[in-house]
């Protein structure tokens, strides 16, 4: 496989991970709001956004790898 095709696959994977991150953070935020109201959670609801940090790190790594592969493909041609 050429580097451009691998780069496109990595970008697609990053988009899928972004969708999973949005779903997970949204679910955790709703759970926190419900828990604060009915179960007396003591943490504030914005704590649910901390779940996004590992996702963002992985997305950044994947996008950097895709950029490097795309740049190497242009230099070879």
C-alpha atoms as a PDB file:
ATOM      1  CA  UNK A   1       0.000   0.000   0.000  1.00  0.00           C
ATOM      2  CA  UNK A   2       1.192   3.478  -0.743  1.00  0.00           C
ATOM      3  CA  UNK A   3       1.591   6.098   1.937  1.00  0.00           C
ATOM      4  CA  UNK A   4      -1.313   8.244   0.735  1.00  0.00           C
ATOM      5  CA  UNK A   5      -3.759   5.356   1.116  1.00  0.00           C
ATOM      6  CA  UNK A   6      -2.450   4.596   4.617  1.00  0.00           C
ATOM      7  CA  UNK A   7      -2.770   8.303   5.455  1.00  0.00           C
ATOM      8  CA  UNK A   8      -6.407   8.305   4.323  1.00  0.00           C
ATOM      9  CA  UNK A   9      -7.113   5.220   6.445  1.00  0.00           C
ATOM     10  CA  UNK A  10      -5.547   6.903   9.484  1.00  0.00           C
ATOM     11  CA  UNK A  11      -7.687  10.007   8.958  1.00  0.00           C
ATOM     12  CA  UNK A  12     -10.793   7.800   8.729  1.00  0.00           C
ATOM     13  CA  UNK A  13      -9.810   6.065  11.990  1.00  0.00           C
ATOM     14  CA  UNK A  14      -9.323   9.470  13.640  1.00  0.00           C
ATOM     15  CA  UNK A  15     -12.838  10.492  12.591  1.00  0.00           C
ATOM     16  CA  UNK A  16     -14.263   7.261  14.035  1.00  0.00           C
ATOM     17  CA  UNK A  17     -12.406   7.816  17.308  1.00  0.00           C
ATOM     18  CA  UNK A  18     -13.734  11.389  17.400  1.00  0.00           C
ATOM     19  CA  UNK A  19     -17.285  10.060  17.118  1.00  0.00           C
ATOM     20  CA  UNK A  20     -16.661   7.556  19.899  1.00  0.00           C
ATOM     21  CA  UNK A  21     -15.222  10.353  22.040  1.00  0.00           C
ATOM     22  CA  UNK A  22     -18.293  12.533  21.520  1.00  0.00           C
ATOM     23  CA  UNK A  23     -20.609   9.654  22.402  1.00  0.00           C
ATOM     24  CA  UNK A  24     -18.646   8.699  25.509  1.00  0.00           C
ATOM     25  CA  UNK A  25     -18.258  12.247  26.828  1.00  0.00           C
ATOM     26  CA  UNK A  26     -21.926  13.031  26.169  1.00  0.00           C
ATOM     27  CA  UNK A  27     -23.056   9.898  27.957  1.00  0.00           C
ATOM     28  CA  UNK A  28     -20.781  10.569  30.930  1.00  0.00           C
ATOM     29  CA  UNK A  29     -21.938  14.191  31.119  1.00  0.00           C
ATOM     30  CA  UNK A  30     -25.597  13.156  31.163  1.00  0.00           C
ATOM     31  CA  UNK A  31     -24.792  10.534  33.780  1.00  0.00           C
ATOM     32  CA  UNK A  32     -23.054  13.143  35.910  1.00  0.00           C
ATOM     33  CA  UNK A  33     -25.982  15.564  35.645  1.00  0.00           C
ATOM     34  CA  UNK A  34     -28.428  12.820  36.604  1.00  0.00           C
ATOM     35  CA  UNK A  35     -26.179  11.644  39.424  1.00  0.00           C
ATOM     36  CA  UNK A  36     -25.757  15.150  40.809  1.00  0.00           C
ATOM     37  CA  UNK A  37     -29.495  15.689  40.848  1.00  0.00           C
ATOM     38  CA  UNK A  38     -30.719  12.326  42.141  1.00  0.00           C
ATOM     39  CA  UNK A  39     -27.778  10.434  43.676  1.00  0.00           C
ATOM     40  CA  UNK A  40     -25.922  13.327  45.333  1.00  0.00           C
ATOM     41  CA  UNK A  41     -22.682  13.025  43.361  1.00  0.00           C
ATOM     42  CA  UNK A  42     -20.188  15.454  44.838  1.00  0.00           C
ATOM     43  CA  UNK A  43     -18.104  16.101  41.706  1.00  0.00           C
ATOM     44  CA  UNK A  44     -19.146  18.873  39.324  1.00  0.00           C
ATOM     45  CA  UNK A  45     -20.516  17.865  35.938  1.00  0.00           C
ATOM     46  CA  UNK A  46     -17.546  19.231  33.978  1.00  0.00           C
ATOM     47  CA  UNK A  47     -15.472  16.328  35.330  1.00  0.00           C
ATOM     48  CA  UNK A  48     -17.070  14.228  32.578  1.00  0.00           C
ATOM     49  CA  UNK A  49     -15.053  16.207  30.013  1.00  0.00           C
ATOM     50  CA  UNK A  50     -11.810  14.788  31.442  1.00  0.00           C
ATOM     51  CA  UNK A  51     -12.707  11.545  29.666  1.00  0.00           C
ATOM     52  CA  UNK A  52     -11.933  13.326  26.387  1.00  0.00           C
ATOM     53  CA  UNK A  53      -8.233  13.844  27.205  1.00  0.00           C
ATOM     54  CA  UNK A  54      -6.998  10.332  26.234  1.00  0.00           C
ATOM     55  CA  UNK A  55      -9.144  10.409  23.102  1.00  0.00           C
ATOM     56  CA  UNK A  56      -7.681  13.766  22.065  1.00  0.00           C
ATOM     57  CA  UNK A  57      -4.144  12.520  22.602  1.00  0.00           C
ATOM     58  CA  UNK A  58      -4.751   9.470  20.403  1.00  0.00           C
ATOM     59  CA  UNK A  59      -6.454  11.556  17.713  1.00  0.00           C
ATOM     60  CA  UNK A  60      -3.523  13.985  17.696  1.00  0.00           C
ATOM     61  CA  UNK A  61      -0.993  11.141  17.354  1.00  0.00           C
ATOM     62  CA  UNK A  62      -2.950   9.581  14.492  1.00  0.00           C
ATOM     63  CA  UNK A  63      -3.316  12.883  12.647  1.00  0.00           C
ATOM     64  CA  UNK A  64       0.388  13.668  13.054  1.00  0.00           C
ATOM     65  CA  UNK A  65       1.266  10.225  11.661  1.00  0.00           C
ATOM     66  CA  UNK A  66      -1.114  10.780   8.732  1.00  0.00           C
ATOM     67  CA  UNK A  67       0.447  14.184   8.033  1.00  0.00           C
ATOM     68  CA  UNK A  68       3.967  12.742   8.093  1.00  0.00           C
ATOM     69  CA  UNK A  69       2.990   9.923   5.733  1.00  0.00           C
ATOM     70  CA  UNK A  70       1.262  12.344   3.373  1.00  0.00           C
ATOM     71  CA  UNK A  71       4.314  14.628   3.394  1.00  0.00           C
ATOM     72  CA  UNK A  72       6.679  11.700   2.674  1.00  0.00           C
ATOM     73  CA  UNK A  73       4.447  10.584  -0.199  1.00  0.00           C
ATOM     74  CA  UNK A  74       4.627  14.056  -1.780  1.00  0.00           C
ATOM     75  CA  UNK A  75       8.427  14.146  -1.411  1.00  0.00           C
ATOM     76  CA  UNK A  76       8.836  10.779  -3.155  1.00  0.00           C
ATOM     77  CA  UNK A  77       6.773  11.825  -6.186  1.00  0.00           C
END
